[in-house]
Amino acid sequence: MELIYTDTNLNDIGILQGFTLDLAFGKDENDFQLTTTTDNAVLEPGNYIYIDGTEYGGIVDGIKVDTSKGTVIYAGRTWQGILNSKVIEPPTGQAYRTVSGDANTVLGSLITLLGLGSLFSASVATSEFTISNYSFDRYVKGYDGITKMLKSVGARLELTFHSGAVLSAVAIKDYTTDEEFDSSQVDMVIEKVQNPVNHIICLGSGELQNRQVAHLYLGQDGLVTETQYYTGLNEVSDIYDYPNAESLDELKKGGAEKLTGASSSIRLNLDGSTYAVGDIVGGYENITKTQVKQTITKKIVTIQNGYLSVKYEVGE
């Protein structure tokens, strides 16, 4: 597996030898650390690293040299981290930025909006997904906003680097339809909450008795509603404090996102690079006979001595 490094203009310089690369992207981190020896110190801030045809790579932001150990550590942002270094802002005079069109076309317009056209491009193929009047959260980071937008239509972001990072919208794959992990096969940590929060009191703008208040509930089907289902001891309430909400709709939107937090979570130690952030996996834990189904939220990659190891974080 060749790790290629380039100059600041993405012109290939060479192939790095003798290194350890730790890289993570998804719900957080979105950065990497590349360790090599001092006699192999060939990178500078602004250079890029990548593995051709994969989503692994990024830009070098800093260098740390330890002469006592004879090591050089390069730190930087992954491609996802570069996207998250930009902010999707509402247009001047408008509350939200709203987009519509083929998902790949929308990705192309967002790349231009964020000023990343020298590094990123969108697939020219027509995707299977249409974005219809999607409103981004106000002032959302680029990668976070894009993944949330695509998820709203059942898609995830696919990123492949080859002479530049190409973005495309692809279908979320639900692996539970043809495979499910068993605790006798893989290590897992499962946490199940019997009584999650099912009533959230949303507090918006205003003061005292004039403060904006909305009540949201989880129904029996797990969907958010404004009609209470769980009562008495089965009601579990919480508060969502958002004093800067621009409108009642924005307040309810934020409250609904908090309310739909998972009632169970799962962490799996999975090997192999088959799965992607945004795909769905499931697990069955034999001791308590607990079955869960969750979205992959982070991918953690280590490359050492040419050997690739991948682990995943699943759920929140």
Protein backbone atom coordinates (compact mmCIF):
# COMPACT_ATOMS: atom_id res chain seq x y z
CA MET A 1 0.00 0.00 0.00
CA GLU A 2 1.79 3.12 -1.27
CA LEU A 3 1.54 6.41 0.60
CA ILE A 4 2.21 9.16 -1.94
CA TYR A 5 3.22 12.67 -0.93
CA THR A 6 2.84 15.81 -3.00
CA ASP A 7 3.82 19.45 -2.99
CA THR A 8 1.38 22.24 -2.13
CA ASN A 9 0.01 22.15 -5.69
CA LEU A 10 -0.81 18.42 -5.56
CA ASN A 11 2.14 17.48 -7.79
CA ASP A 12 3.42 14.04 -6.78
CA ILE A 13 6.90 14.08 -5.24
CA GLY A 14 7.44 10.51 -4.13
CA ILE A 15 6.35 7.49 -2.09
CA LEU A 16 6.98 7.57 1.65
CA GLN A 17 8.80 4.61 3.17
CA GLY A 18 8.97 3.37 6.76
CA PHE A 19 6.03 5.08 8.47
CA THR A 20 3.07 4.62 10.77
CA LEU A 21 -0.12 6.45 9.83
CA ASP A 22 -2.99 6.90 12.29
CA LEU A 23 -6.04 8.46 10.68
CA ALA A 24 -9.65 8.92 11.82
CA PHE A 25 -12.70 10.54 10.29
CA GLY A 26 -16.43 10.72 10.82
CA LYS A 27 -18.33 12.29 13.69
CA ASP A 28 -15.15 13.79 15.18
CA GLU A 29 -11.34 13.96 14.95
CA ASN A 30 -11.05 14.07 11.13
CA ASP A 31 -7.27 14.28 11.37
CA PHE A 32 -4.15 12.16 11.09
CA GLN A 33 -0.73 11.62 12.61
CA LEU A 34 2.10 10.33 10.46
CA THR A 35 5.24 9.11 12.21
CA THR A 36 8.55 8.36 10.49
CA THR A 37 12.29 8.65 11.14
CA THR A 38 14.34 11.85 10.98
CA ASP A 39 16.30 10.55 7.99
CA ASN A 40 12.97 10.22 6.19
CA ALA A 41 11.80 13.77 6.86
CA VAL A 42 10.56 14.79 3.42
CA LEU A 43 7.31 16.66 4.12
CA GLU A 44 6.52 20.29 4.83
CA PRO A 45 3.35 22.06 5.99
CA GLY A 46 1.00 22.40 3.03
CA ASN A 47 2.10 19.12 1.43
CA TYR A 48 -0.50 16.41 0.93
CA ILE A 49 -0.44 12.66 1.50
CA TYR A 50 -2.79 10.12 -0.07
CA ILE A 51 -3.31 6.51 -0.98
CA ASP A 52 -4.53 6.48 -4.55
CA GLY A 53 -8.10 5.34 -5.13
CA THR A 54 -9.06 5.45 -1.45
CA GLU A 55 -10.48 7.95 1.03
CA TYR A 56 -7.25 7.97 3.06
CA GLY A 57 -5.19 11.14 2.97
CA GLY A 58 -5.06 14.82 3.84
CA ILE A 59 -2.94 17.94 4.27
CA VAL A 60 0.09 18.34 6.52
CA ASP A 61 -0.48 21.18 9.01
CA GLY A 62 2.35 20.72 11.49
CA ILE A 63 5.65 18.97 12.19
CA LYS A 64 7.13 17.73 15.46
CA VAL A 65 10.72 16.48 15.64
CA ASP A 66 12.02 14.41 18.57
CA THR A 67 15.79 14.08 18.19
CA SER A 68 16.11 11.81 21.23
CA LYS A 69 13.90 9.23 19.51
CA GLY A 70 14.97 10.07 15.99
CA THR A 71 11.34 10.56 14.91
CA VAL A 72 9.36 13.09 12.94
CA ILE A 73 5.61 13.38 13.46
CA TYR A 74 3.47 15.08 10.84
CA ALA A 75 -0.02 16.12 11.92
CA GLY A 76 -2.80 17.28 9.68
CA ARG A 77 -6.41 17.20 8.55
CA THR A 78 -7.97 14.40 6.56
CA TRP A 79 -10.01 15.25 3.47
CA GLN A 80 -13.05 15.25 5.74
CA GLY A 81 -11.23 17.56 8.14
CA ILE A 82 -10.49 19.99 5.32
CA LEU A 83 -14.20 20.07 4.46
CA ASN A 84 -14.94 20.72 8.12
CA SER A 85 -12.50 23.64 8.11
CA LYS A 86 -15.09 25.54 6.09
CA VAL A 87 -18.52 26.75 7.22
CA ILE A 88 -21.76 26.65 5.24
CA GLU A 89 -23.32 30.04 5.99
CA PRO A 90 -26.79 31.39 5.23
CA PRO A 91 -26.90 33.84 2.29
CA THR A 92 -26.90 37.50 3.28
CA GLY A 93 -30.32 38.52 4.53
CA GLN A 94 -31.63 34.96 4.76
CA ALA A 95 -32.09 32.68 7.78
CA TYR A 96 -30.96 29.45 6.09
CA ARG A 97 -29.09 28.23 3.05
CA THR A 98 -31.45 26.04 1.05
CA VAL A 99 -30.39 23.76 -1.82
CA SER A 100 -32.17 21.64 -4.40
CA GLY A 101 -31.17 19.41 -7.31
CA ASP A 102 -29.34 16.21 -8.07
CA ALA A 103 -27.18 15.35 -5.05
CA ASN A 104 -23.92 15.31 -7.02
CA THR A 105 -24.76 18.65 -8.61
CA VAL A 106 -25.47 20.09 -5.17
CA LEU A 107 -22.12 18.74 -3.93
CA GLY A 108 -20.41 20.56 -6.80
CA SER A 109 -22.08 23.85 -5.91
CA LEU A 110 -21.09 23.44 -2.26
CA ILE A 111 -17.46 22.82 -3.22
CA THR A 112 -17.50 26.10 -5.13
CA LEU A 113 -19.26 27.89 -2.28
CA LEU A 114 -16.62 26.73 0.20
CA GLY A 115 -13.75 27.73 -2.07
CA LEU A 116 -12.34 24.22 -2.32
CA GLY A 117 -12.42 23.75 -6.08
CA SER A 118 -8.64 23.40 -6.35
CA LEU A 119 -8.74 20.21 -4.26
CA PHE A 120 -12.26 18.78 -4.44
CA SER A 121 -14.64 18.05 -7.26
CA ALA A 122 -18.03 16.35 -7.48
CA SER A 123 -18.85 13.33 -9.59
CA VAL A 124 -20.24 14.33 -12.98
CA ALA A 125 -22.55 11.31 -12.98
CA THR A 126 -26.20 11.72 -12.11
CA SER A 127 -26.81 10.31 -8.65
CA GLU A 128 -29.79 8.30 -7.48
CA PHE A 129 -30.78 11.07 -5.10
CA THR A 130 -32.60 14.39 -5.41
CA ILE A 131 -32.24 17.13 -2.82
CA SER A 132 -35.47 19.11 -2.47
CA ASN A 133 -35.40 22.42 -0.60
CA TYR A 134 -32.99 21.14 2.05
CA SER A 135 -32.13 23.83 4.62
CA PHE A 136 -28.73 23.55 6.32
CA ASP A 137 -28.37 24.30 9.99
CA ARG A 138 -27.19 27.86 10.45
CA TYR A 139 -23.39 28.10 10.28
CA VAL A 140 -22.66 24.38 10.06
CA LYS A 141 -19.23 22.93 9.28
CA GLY A 142 -18.86 21.69 5.72
CA TYR A 143 -18.42 17.95 6.23
CA ASP A 144 -21.01 17.81 9.00
CA GLY A 145 -23.54 19.71 6.92
CA ILE A 146 -22.95 17.63 3.79
CA THR A 147 -23.28 14.28 5.56
CA LYS A 148 -26.47 15.40 7.31
CA MET A 149 -27.93 16.66 4.03
CA LEU A 150 -27.22 13.36 2.26
CA LYS A 151 -28.56 11.31 5.16
CA SER A 152 -31.88 13.14 4.79
CA VAL A 153 -32.37 11.40 1.41
CA GLY A 154 -30.92 8.03 2.39
CA ALA A 155 -27.43 8.68 1.00
CA ARG A 156 -23.91 8.96 2.35
CA LEU A 157 -20.79 10.72 1.13
CA GLU A 158 -18.25 8.70 -0.84
CA LEU A 159 -14.81 10.26 -1.23
CA THR A 160 -12.12 8.87 -3.53
CA PHE A 161 -8.76 10.51 -4.17
CA HIS A 162 -7.18 10.34 -7.60
CA SER A 163 -5.48 13.54 -8.78
CA GLY A 164 -7.89 15.30 -6.45
CA ALA A 165 -10.65 14.37 -4.03
CA VAL A 166 -13.88 13.41 -5.80
CA LEU A 167 -17.14 13.54 -3.84
CA SER A 168 -20.27 11.62 -4.74
CA ALA A 169 -23.58 10.64 -3.18
CA VAL A 170 -24.12 6.89 -2.85
CA ALA A 171 -26.77 4.79 -1.18
CA ILE A 172 -26.41 3.95 2.49
CA LYS A 173 -25.90 0.20 2.75
CA ASP A 174 -27.72 -1.69 5.46
CA TYR A 175 -25.52 -4.70 6.19
CA THR A 176 -28.06 -6.14 8.61
CA THR A 177 -30.07 -7.38 5.63
CA ASP A 178 -27.44 -10.01 4.81
CA GLU A 179 -25.08 -10.20 7.78
CA GLU A 180 -25.20 -9.53 11.48
CA PHE A 181 -22.33 -9.64 13.92
CA ASP A 182 -22.49 -11.98 16.87
CA SER A 183 -20.57 -11.50 20.12
CA SER A 184 -19.02 -14.93 19.55
CA GLN A 185 -17.49 -13.54 16.32
CA VAL A 186 -16.36 -10.02 17.23
CA ASP A 187 -15.72 -8.01 20.38
CA MET A 188 -18.51 -5.59 21.19
CA VAL A 189 -19.76 -3.27 23.90
CA ILE A 190 -23.54 -2.88 24.00
CA GLU A 191 -25.44 -0.44 26.21
CA LYS A 192 -29.21 -0.55 26.29
CA VAL A 193 -31.36 2.08 27.99
CA GLN A 194 -34.78 0.82 29.02
CA ASN A 195 -36.31 4.26 29.63
CA PRO A 196 -34.70 6.90 27.40
CA VAL A 197 -35.88 10.51 27.43
CA ASN A 198 -39.30 10.60 25.77
CA HIS A 199 -40.41 14.17 26.57
CA ILE A 200 -38.28 17.20 25.88
CA ILE A 201 -39.15 20.76 26.85
CA CYS A 202 -37.65 23.14 24.27
CA LEU A 203 -36.83 26.63 25.59
CA GLY A 204 -36.22 29.25 22.91
CA SER A 205 -35.93 33.04 22.81
CA GLY A 206 -37.51 35.49 25.23
CA GLU A 207 -37.48 36.02 28.98
CA LEU A 208 -39.51 34.58 31.86
CA GLN A 209 -43.22 34.17 31.00
CA ASN A 210 -42.54 35.45 27.47
CA ARG A 211 -40.02 32.75 26.68
CA GLN A 212 -40.74 30.53 23.70
CA VAL A 213 -41.62 26.99 24.85
CA ALA A 214 -42.39 23.85 22.86
CA HIS A 215 -43.06 20.30 24.10
CA LEU A 216 -41.98 17.33 22.01
CA TYR A 217 -42.59 13.65 22.73
CA LEU A 218 -41.54 10.23 21.51
CA GLY A 219 -44.45 8.11 20.37
CA GLN A 220 -44.78 4.35 20.72
CA ASP A 221 -43.29 4.00 17.25
CA GLY A 222 -40.21 6.02 18.24
CA LEU A 223 -41.18 9.01 16.09
CA VAL A 224 -41.28 12.58 17.39
CA THR A 225 -44.73 14.00 17.99
CA GLU A 226 -46.40 16.85 19.87
CA THR A 227 -48.87 14.43 21.46
CA GLN A 228 -47.80 12.77 24.70
CA TYR A 229 -47.77 8.97 24.77
CA TYR A 230 -45.68 8.03 27.82
CA THR A 231 -47.12 9.24 31.14
CA GLY A 232 -46.61 8.74 34.86
CA LEU A 233 -43.50 6.75 35.79
CA ASN A 234 -42.89 5.95 32.13
CA GLU A 235 -42.43 9.62 31.27
CA VAL A 236 -38.78 10.71 31.27
CA SER A 237 -38.31 14.44 30.65
CA ASP A 238 -35.37 16.67 29.79
CA ILE A 239 -34.75 20.29 28.79
CA TYR A 240 -33.38 21.63 25.50
CA ASP A 241 -32.11 25.18 26.01
CA TYR A 242 -31.72 27.17 22.79
CA PRO A 243 -32.15 30.89 23.58
CA ASN A 244 -30.82 31.98 20.17
CA ALA A 245 -33.36 30.03 18.11
CA GLU A 246 -34.44 32.20 15.19
CA SER A 247 -37.93 30.68 15.02
CA LEU A 248 -40.22 28.13 16.62
CA ASP A 249 -39.51 25.71 13.76
CA GLU A 250 -35.76 25.97 14.38
CA LEU A 251 -36.31 25.38 18.09
CA LYS A 252 -38.40 22.27 17.42
CA LYS A 253 -35.89 20.98 14.88
CA GLY A 254 -33.06 21.10 17.41
CA GLY A 255 -35.21 19.57 20.12
CA ALA A 256 -36.28 16.71 17.86
CA GLU A 257 -32.64 15.88 17.06
CA LYS A 258 -31.82 15.67 20.75
CA LEU A 259 -34.91 13.61 21.51
CA THR A 260 -34.17 10.96 18.90
CA GLY A 261 -30.86 9.96 20.51
CA ALA A 262 -30.37 6.21 20.48
CA SER A 263 -31.90 4.13 23.26
CA SER A 264 -29.15 1.58 22.71
CA SER A 265 -25.61 1.81 21.42
CA ILE A 266 -23.01 -0.60 20.17
CA ARG A 267 -19.28 -0.50 19.66
CA LEU A 268 -17.78 -3.19 17.47
CA ASN A 269 -14.17 -4.07 16.81
CA LEU A 270 -14.41 -4.87 13.10
CA ASP A 271 -11.50 -5.56 10.80
CA GLY A 272 -11.37 -4.75 7.11
CA SER A 273 -12.16 -1.64 5.10
CA THR A 274 -15.46 -2.87 3.66
CA TYR A 275 -17.69 -0.56 5.66
CA ALA A 276 -18.11 3.20 5.33
CA VAL A 277 -19.19 6.03 7.60
CA GLY A 278 -22.94 6.25 7.22
CA ASP A 279 -23.54 2.54 6.55
CA ILE A 280 -25.65 0.50 8.98
CA VAL A 281 -24.51 -2.58 10.90
CA GLY A 282 -26.16 -4.69 13.57
CA GLY A 283 -25.05 -6.83 16.43
CA TYR A 284 -26.38 -9.52 18.74
CA GLU A 285 -24.88 -9.94 22.19
CA ASN A 286 -25.34 -13.49 23.46
CA ILE A 287 -25.14 -12.90 27.22
CA THR A 288 -28.13 -10.56 27.61
CA LYS A 289 -29.60 -11.46 24.22
CA THR A 290 -29.53 -7.82 23.15
CA GLN A 291 -29.94 -6.96 19.49
CA VAL A 292 -29.14 -3.50 18.13
CA LYS A 293 -28.85 -1.79 14.77
CA GLN A 294 -26.78 1.37 14.39
CA THR A 295 -25.02 3.66 11.91
CA ILE A 296 -21.22 3.67 11.55
CA THR A 297 -20.15 7.11 12.76
CA LYS A 298 -16.35 6.96 12.66
CA LYS A 299 -13.63 5.06 10.83
CA ILE A 300 -10.22 4.64 12.45
CA VAL A 301 -7.34 3.59 10.20
CA THR A 302 -3.80 2.51 11.07
CA ILE A 303 -1.14 1.67 8.49
CA GLN A 304 2.12 0.25 9.80
CA ASN A 305 4.79 -1.64 7.86
CA GLY A 306 2.44 -1.76 4.89
CA TYR A 307 -0.33 -3.44 6.91
CA LEU A 308 -3.76 -1.79 6.99
CA SER A 309 -5.94 -2.07 10.10
CA VAL A 310 -9.41 -0.51 10.29
CA LYS A 311 -11.76 -0.18 13.24
CA TYR A 312 -15.14 1.51 13.52
CA GLU A 313 -17.25 3.40 16.02
CA VAL A 314 -20.93 2.67 15.71
CA GLY A 315 -23.74 4.80 17.16
CA GLU A 316 -23.32 7.82 19.42
